[in-house]
């Protein structure tokens, strides 16, 4: 009599637990490697600030699909170069079908780059300015449901007012909170998510 041995479960790859919003492959890659991870590189911080502003009124998946094209079109998010964009360059960008072609958002690019450089000059780095909003340590939330995650907080409201005062555009309280989530000032991965402990 021949006995059939069931395969060992030890070789099975354990399922990955993610926040419910990470559905597509692009979303999942971003969720696993970027969202909520503390970021301190000024160029990356500027890139994410621009992308969050570009996202206003759109899905984040749209931004992820166009991210590389925008990086190429926006000189790899170099604030020094973007700060000198003139009307001719802005018109050129508005003709580029691969990026977000919203006139107000495109026009905000050099203004945000100029404001970003002013903050760098005042504080020594944008990183130092930004992380001061959370006393240089990520806020660790303990959410169990997506519905618990806020769209804005008192900190993002105060940050928004200060950024607007400094000349930034597309930095409302909701955008600022999404920015805080993206660059790791706040950990809003659910407790059930594998990335919660990593952040």
C-alpha atoms as a PDB file:
ATOM      1  CA  UNK A   1       0.000   0.000   0.000  1.00  0.00           C
ATOM      2  CA  UNK A   2       1.407   3.360  -1.040  1.00  0.00           C
ATOM      3  CA  UNK A   3       1.000   6.326   1.262  1.00  0.00           C
ATOM      4  CA  UNK A   4       0.807   9.869  -0.107  1.00  0.00           C
ATOM      5  CA  UNK A   5       2.708  12.389   1.959  1.00  0.00           C
ATOM      6  CA  UNK A   6       1.197  15.852   2.044  1.00  0.00           C
ATOM      7  CA  UNK A   7       3.624  18.631   1.099  1.00  0.00           C
ATOM      8  CA  UNK A   8       5.124  20.542   3.987  1.00  0.00           C
ATOM      9  CA  UNK A   9       3.662  23.975   4.632  1.00  0.00           C
ATOM     10  CA  UNK A  10       7.121  25.202   5.622  1.00  0.00           C
ATOM     11  CA  UNK A  11       7.954  25.928   1.976  1.00  0.00           C
ATOM     12  CA  UNK A  12       4.922  28.132   1.412  1.00  0.00           C
ATOM     13  CA  UNK A  13       5.519  31.857   1.255  1.00  0.00           C
ATOM     14  CA  UNK A  14       3.582  33.584   4.016  1.00  0.00           C
ATOM     15  CA  UNK A  15       0.985  36.043   2.769  1.00  0.00           C
ATOM     16  CA  UNK A  16       1.918  39.704   3.028  1.00  0.00           C
ATOM     17  CA  UNK A  17      -0.394  41.883   5.066  1.00  0.00           C
ATOM     18  CA  UNK A  18      -0.796  45.399   3.677  1.00  0.00           C
ATOM     19  CA  UNK A  19      -2.997  48.402   4.239  1.00  0.00           C
ATOM     20  CA  UNK A  20      -6.233  47.943   2.236  1.00  0.00           C
ATOM     21  CA  UNK A  21      -5.533  50.851  -0.140  1.00  0.00           C
ATOM     22  CA  UNK A  22      -2.478  49.125  -1.638  1.00  0.00           C
ATOM     23  CA  UNK A  23      -4.218  47.161  -4.378  1.00  0.00           C
ATOM     24  CA  UNK A  24      -2.256  47.506  -7.644  1.00  0.00           C
ATOM     25  CA  UNK A  25       1.366  46.426  -8.088  1.00  0.00           C
ATOM     26  CA  UNK A  26       2.452  50.070  -8.216  1.00  0.00           C
ATOM     27  CA  UNK A  27       0.511  50.841  -5.045  1.00  0.00           C
ATOM     28  CA  UNK A  28       1.996  47.827  -3.285  1.00  0.00           C
ATOM     29  CA  UNK A  29       5.584  48.659  -4.261  1.00  0.00           C
ATOM     30  CA  UNK A  30       5.096  52.247  -3.071  1.00  0.00           C
ATOM     31  CA  UNK A  31       3.393  51.061   0.136  1.00  0.00           C
ATOM     32  CA  UNK A  32       6.182  48.593   0.929  1.00  0.00           C
ATOM     33  CA  UNK A  33       9.193  50.778   0.137  1.00  0.00           C
ATOM     34  CA  UNK A  34       8.227  54.447   0.492  1.00  0.00           C
ATOM     35  CA  UNK A  35       4.995  55.263   2.330  1.00  0.00           C
ATOM     36  CA  UNK A  36       5.575  55.839   6.016  1.00  0.00           C
ATOM     37  CA  UNK A  37       9.347  55.355   5.837  1.00  0.00           C
ATOM     38  CA  UNK A  38      11.189  58.302   7.481  1.00  0.00           C
ATOM     39  CA  UNK A  39      12.763  60.356   4.687  1.00  0.00           C
ATOM     40  CA  UNK A  40      15.563  62.846   5.339  1.00  0.00           C
ATOM     41  CA  UNK A  41      17.010  63.519   1.898  1.00  0.00           C
ATOM     42  CA  UNK A  42      16.092  67.045   0.806  1.00  0.00           C
ATOM     43  CA  UNK A  43      15.729  66.159  -2.882  1.00  0.00           C
ATOM     44  CA  UNK A  44      13.340  63.337  -2.031  1.00  0.00           C
ATOM     45  CA  UNK A  45      11.415  65.582   0.335  1.00  0.00           C
ATOM     46  CA  UNK A  46      11.021  68.144  -2.432  1.00  0.00           C
ATOM     47  CA  UNK A  47       9.928  65.477  -4.915  1.00  0.00           C
ATOM     48  CA  UNK A  48       7.241  64.167  -2.587  1.00  0.00           C
ATOM     49  CA  UNK A  49       6.021  67.697  -1.819  1.00  0.00           C
ATOM     50  CA  UNK A  50       5.592  68.325  -5.546  1.00  0.00           C
ATOM     51  CA  UNK A  51       3.923  64.960  -6.150  1.00  0.00           C
ATOM     52  CA  UNK A  52       1.467  65.445  -3.285  1.00  0.00           C
ATOM     53  CA  UNK A  53       0.497  68.813  -4.744  1.00  0.00           C
ATOM     54  CA  UNK A  54       0.095  67.254  -8.181  1.00  0.00           C
ATOM     55  CA  UNK A  55      -2.154  64.590  -6.679  1.00  0.00           C
ATOM     56  CA  UNK A  56      -4.817  67.058  -5.472  1.00  0.00           C
ATOM     57  CA  UNK A  57      -8.129  65.945  -6.963  1.00  0.00           C
ATOM     58  CA  UNK A  58      -6.619  62.817  -8.519  1.00  0.00           C
ATOM     59  CA  UNK A  59      -5.894  59.264  -7.384  1.00  0.00           C
ATOM     60  CA  UNK A  60      -2.438  58.466  -6.048  1.00  0.00           C
ATOM     61  CA  UNK A  61      -2.277  55.610  -8.565  1.00  0.00           C
ATOM     62  CA  UNK A  62      -2.381  58.222 -11.337  1.00  0.00           C
ATOM     63  CA  UNK A  63       0.610  59.978  -9.781  1.00  0.00           C
ATOM     64  CA  UNK A  64       2.555  56.725  -9.470  1.00  0.00           C
ATOM     65  CA  UNK A  65       1.915  55.911 -13.140  1.00  0.00           C
ATOM     66  CA  UNK A  66       3.191  59.334 -14.198  1.00  0.00           C
ATOM     67  CA  UNK A  67       5.933  59.677 -11.594  1.00  0.00           C
ATOM     68  CA  UNK A  68       8.864  58.742 -13.828  1.00  0.00           C
ATOM     69  CA  UNK A  69       7.629  60.965 -16.660  1.00  0.00           C
ATOM     70  CA  UNK A  70       7.270  63.872 -14.240  1.00  0.00           C
ATOM     71  CA  UNK A  71      10.720  63.223 -12.830  1.00  0.00           C
ATOM     72  CA  UNK A  72      12.163  63.469 -16.344  1.00  0.00           C
ATOM     73  CA  UNK A  73      10.090  66.546 -17.236  1.00  0.00           C
ATOM     74  CA  UNK A  74      10.904  68.306 -13.944  1.00  0.00           C
ATOM     75  CA  UNK A  75      14.691  67.883 -14.143  1.00  0.00           C
ATOM     76  CA  UNK A  76      14.681  65.029 -11.615  1.00  0.00           C
ATOM     77  CA  UNK A  77      13.012  67.363  -9.120  1.00  0.00           C
ATOM     78  CA  UNK A  78      16.048  69.612  -8.798  1.00  0.00           C
ATOM     79  CA  UNK A  79      14.720  72.691  -6.948  1.00  0.00           C
ATOM     80  CA  UNK A  80      17.601  74.842  -8.205  1.00  0.00           C
ATOM     81  CA  UNK A  81      16.664  74.186 -11.831  1.00  0.00           C
ATOM     82  CA  UNK A  82      12.901  74.315 -11.275  1.00  0.00           C
ATOM     83  CA  UNK A  83      13.190  77.651  -9.457  1.00  0.00           C
ATOM     84  CA  UNK A  84      14.284  79.217 -12.781  1.00  0.00           C
ATOM     85  CA  UNK A  85      11.429  77.854 -14.917  1.00  0.00           C
ATOM     86  CA  UNK A  86      10.094  80.679 -17.060  1.00  0.00           C
ATOM     87  CA  UNK A  87       6.845  81.021 -18.988  1.00  0.00           C
ATOM     88  CA  UNK A  88       8.351  79.271 -21.985  1.00  0.00           C
ATOM     89  CA  UNK A  89       9.271  76.235 -19.903  1.00  0.00           C
ATOM     90  CA  UNK A  90       5.843  76.183 -18.253  1.00  0.00           C
ATOM     91  CA  UNK A  91       4.153  76.243 -21.669  1.00  0.00           C
ATOM     92  CA  UNK A  92       6.403  73.392 -22.787  1.00  0.00           C
ATOM     93  CA  UNK A  93       5.325  71.355 -19.762  1.00  0.00           C
ATOM     94  CA  UNK A  94       1.658  72.068 -20.461  1.00  0.00           C
ATOM     95  CA  UNK A  95       2.102  70.429 -23.875  1.00  0.00           C
ATOM     96  CA  UNK A  96       3.568  67.238 -22.395  1.00  0.00           C
ATOM     97  CA  UNK A  97       0.854  64.529 -22.459  1.00  0.00           C
ATOM     98  CA  UNK A  98       2.814  62.233 -20.134  1.00  0.00           C
ATOM     99  CA  UNK A  99       2.510  64.443 -17.038  1.00  0.00           C
ATOM    100  CA  UNK A 100      -0.254  66.138 -15.043  1.00  0.00           C
ATOM    101  CA  UNK A 101      -1.139  69.128 -17.219  1.00  0.00           C
ATOM    102  CA  UNK A 102      -2.963  71.336 -14.774  1.00  0.00           C
ATOM    103  CA  UNK A 103      -2.045  74.980 -15.379  1.00  0.00           C
ATOM    104  CA  UNK A 104      -2.248  76.016 -11.717  1.00  0.00           C
ATOM    105  CA  UNK A 105      -0.132  73.070 -10.581  1.00  0.00           C
ATOM    106  CA  UNK A 106       2.468  73.617 -13.301  1.00  0.00           C
ATOM    107  CA  UNK A 107       2.640  77.344 -12.524  1.00  0.00           C
ATOM    108  CA  UNK A 108       3.232  76.491  -8.859  1.00  0.00           C
ATOM    109  CA  UNK A 109       6.427  74.540  -9.629  1.00  0.00           C
ATOM    110  CA  UNK A 110       8.926  77.451  -9.679  1.00  0.00           C
ATOM    111  CA  UNK A 111       7.171  79.149  -6.759  1.00  0.00           C
ATOM    112  CA  UNK A 112       7.452  76.013  -4.637  1.00  0.00           C
ATOM    113  CA  UNK A 113      11.083  75.503  -5.654  1.00  0.00           C
ATOM    114  CA  UNK A 114      11.931  79.095  -4.702  1.00  0.00           C
ATOM    115  CA  UNK A 115      10.156  78.746  -1.361  1.00  0.00           C
ATOM    116  CA  UNK A 116      11.893  75.409  -0.751  1.00  0.00           C
ATOM    117  CA  UNK A 117      15.317  76.979  -1.341  1.00  0.00           C
ATOM    118  CA  UNK A 118      14.488  79.815   1.047  1.00  0.00           C
ATOM    119  CA  UNK A 119      13.635  77.299   3.768  1.00  0.00           C
ATOM    120  CA  UNK A 120      16.884  75.441   3.108  1.00  0.00           C
ATOM    121  CA  UNK A 121      18.825  78.672   3.472  1.00  0.00           C
ATOM    122  CA  UNK A 122      17.023  79.641   6.679  1.00  0.00           C
ATOM    123  CA  UNK A 123      17.196  76.267   8.447  1.00  0.00           C
ATOM    124  CA  UNK A 124      20.256  74.691   6.868  1.00  0.00           C
ATOM    125  CA  UNK A 125      18.109  71.987   5.253  1.00  0.00           C
ATOM    126  CA  UNK A 126      14.461  71.421   4.470  1.00  0.00           C
ATOM    127  CA  UNK A 127      14.740  68.204   6.444  1.00  0.00           C
ATOM    128  CA  UNK A 128      15.535  70.122   9.620  1.00  0.00           C
ATOM    129  CA  UNK A 129      12.555  72.426   9.102  1.00  0.00           C
ATOM    130  CA  UNK A 130      10.091  69.669   8.221  1.00  0.00           C
ATOM    131  CA  UNK A 131      10.961  67.242  11.005  1.00  0.00           C
ATOM    132  CA  UNK A 132      10.735  69.998  13.615  1.00  0.00           C
ATOM    133  CA  UNK A 133       6.953  69.709  13.237  1.00  0.00           C
ATOM    134  CA  UNK A 134       7.088  66.307  14.975  1.00  0.00           C
ATOM    135  CA  UNK A 135      10.046  66.997  17.286  1.00  0.00           C
ATOM    136  CA  UNK A 136      12.285  65.023  14.911  1.00  0.00           C
ATOM    137  CA  UNK A 137      10.597  61.702  15.717  1.00  0.00           C
ATOM    138  CA  UNK A 138       7.796  59.956  13.766  1.00  0.00           C
ATOM    139  CA  UNK A 139       4.312  59.982  15.278  1.00  0.00           C
ATOM    140  CA  UNK A 140       3.381  56.319  15.826  1.00  0.00           C
ATOM    141  CA  UNK A 141      -0.342  55.815  15.415  1.00  0.00           C
ATOM    142  CA  UNK A 142      -2.148  52.630  16.358  1.00  0.00           C
ATOM    143  CA  UNK A 143      -5.023  52.394  13.899  1.00  0.00           C
ATOM    144  CA  UNK A 144      -6.937  49.157  13.360  1.00  0.00           C
ATOM    145  CA  UNK A 145      -9.334  50.395  10.660  1.00  0.00           C
ATOM    146  CA  UNK A 146      -8.822  52.640   7.629  1.00  0.00           C
ATOM    147  CA  UNK A 147     -11.782  54.723   8.772  1.00  0.00           C
ATOM    148  CA  UNK A 148      -9.787  55.785  11.849  1.00  0.00           C
ATOM    149  CA  UNK A 149      -7.030  57.441   9.815  1.00  0.00           C
ATOM    150  CA  UNK A 150      -7.597  61.214   9.706  1.00  0.00           C
ATOM    151  CA  UNK A 151      -7.456  63.341   6.551  1.00  0.00           C
ATOM    152  CA  UNK A 152      -5.772  66.180   8.439  1.00  0.00           C
ATOM    153  CA  UNK A 153      -4.612  67.036  11.942  1.00  0.00           C
ATOM    154  CA  UNK A 154      -3.803  70.117  13.976  1.00  0.00           C
ATOM    155  CA  UNK A 155      -0.152  69.683  12.979  1.00  0.00           C
ATOM    156  CA  UNK A 156      -0.921  69.509   9.260  1.00  0.00           C
ATOM    157  CA  UNK A 157      -3.150  72.569   9.615  1.00  0.00           C
ATOM    158  CA  UNK A 158      -0.362  74.528  11.312  1.00  0.00           C
ATOM    159  CA  UNK A 159       2.179  73.295   8.768  1.00  0.00           C
ATOM    160  CA  UNK A 160      -0.118  74.327   5.919  1.00  0.00           C
ATOM    161  CA  UNK A 161      -0.460  77.860   7.277  1.00  0.00           C
ATOM    162  CA  UNK A 162       3.292  78.192   7.681  1.00  0.00           C
ATOM    163  CA  UNK A 163       4.095  76.822   4.230  1.00  0.00           C
ATOM    164  CA  UNK A 164       1.524  79.122   2.628  1.00  0.00           C
ATOM    165  CA  UNK A 165       3.049  82.046   4.519  1.00  0.00           C
ATOM    166  CA  UNK A 166       6.430  81.079   3.109  1.00  0.00           C
ATOM    167  CA  UNK A 167       5.125  81.168  -0.469  1.00  0.00           C
ATOM    168  CA  UNK A 168       4.314  77.515  -1.156  1.00  0.00           C
ATOM    169  CA  UNK A 169       1.294  76.555  -3.257  1.00  0.00           C
ATOM    170  CA  UNK A 170      -0.898  73.419  -3.117  1.00  0.00           C
ATOM    171  CA  UNK A 171      -0.088  72.800   0.526  1.00  0.00           C
ATOM    172  CA  UNK A 172      -3.498  72.704   2.174  1.00  0.00           C
ATOM    173  CA  UNK A 173      -3.980  70.789   5.460  1.00  0.00           C
ATOM    174  CA  UNK A 174      -5.062  67.572   3.717  1.00  0.00           C
ATOM    175  CA  UNK A 175      -2.146  67.674   1.280  1.00  0.00           C
ATOM    176  CA  UNK A 176       0.228  68.368   4.171  1.00  0.00           C
ATOM    177  CA  UNK A 177      -1.082  65.381   6.103  1.00  0.00           C
ATOM    178  CA  UNK A 178      -0.723  63.117   3.071  1.00  0.00           C
ATOM    179  CA  UNK A 179       2.816  64.471   2.760  1.00  0.00           C
ATOM    180  CA  UNK A 180       3.511  63.698   6.424  1.00  0.00           C
ATOM    181  CA  UNK A 181       2.297  60.140   5.849  1.00  0.00           C
ATOM    182  CA  UNK A 182       4.358  59.735   2.681  1.00  0.00           C
ATOM    183  CA  UNK A 183       7.699  60.855   4.122  1.00  0.00           C
ATOM    184  CA  UNK A 184       7.293  59.160   7.479  1.00  0.00           C
ATOM    185  CA  UNK A 185       6.560  62.018   9.867  1.00  0.00           C
ATOM    186  CA  UNK A 186       3.570  59.934  10.851  1.00  0.00           C
ATOM    187  CA  UNK A 187       3.161  56.153  10.737  1.00  0.00           C
ATOM    188  CA  UNK A 188      -0.383  55.474   9.568  1.00  0.00           C
ATOM    189  CA  UNK A 189       0.093  51.859   8.533  1.00  0.00           C
ATOM    190  CA  UNK A 190      -2.608  49.814  10.229  1.00  0.00           C
ATOM    191  CA  UNK A 191      -1.555  47.590  13.117  1.00  0.00           C
ATOM    192  CA  UNK A 192      -2.447  44.583  10.948  1.00  0.00           C
ATOM    193  CA  UNK A 193      -0.030  45.748   8.224  1.00  0.00           C
ATOM    194  CA  UNK A 194       3.439  44.189   8.072  1.00  0.00           C
ATOM    195  CA  UNK A 195       4.934  47.628   7.475  1.00  0.00           C
ATOM    196  CA  UNK A 196       3.661  49.143  10.726  1.00  0.00           C
ATOM    197  CA  UNK A 197       6.555  47.787  12.755  1.00  0.00           C
ATOM    198  CA  UNK A 198       9.068  48.618  10.010  1.00  0.00           C
ATOM    199  CA  UNK A 199       8.195  52.306  10.268  1.00  0.00           C
END
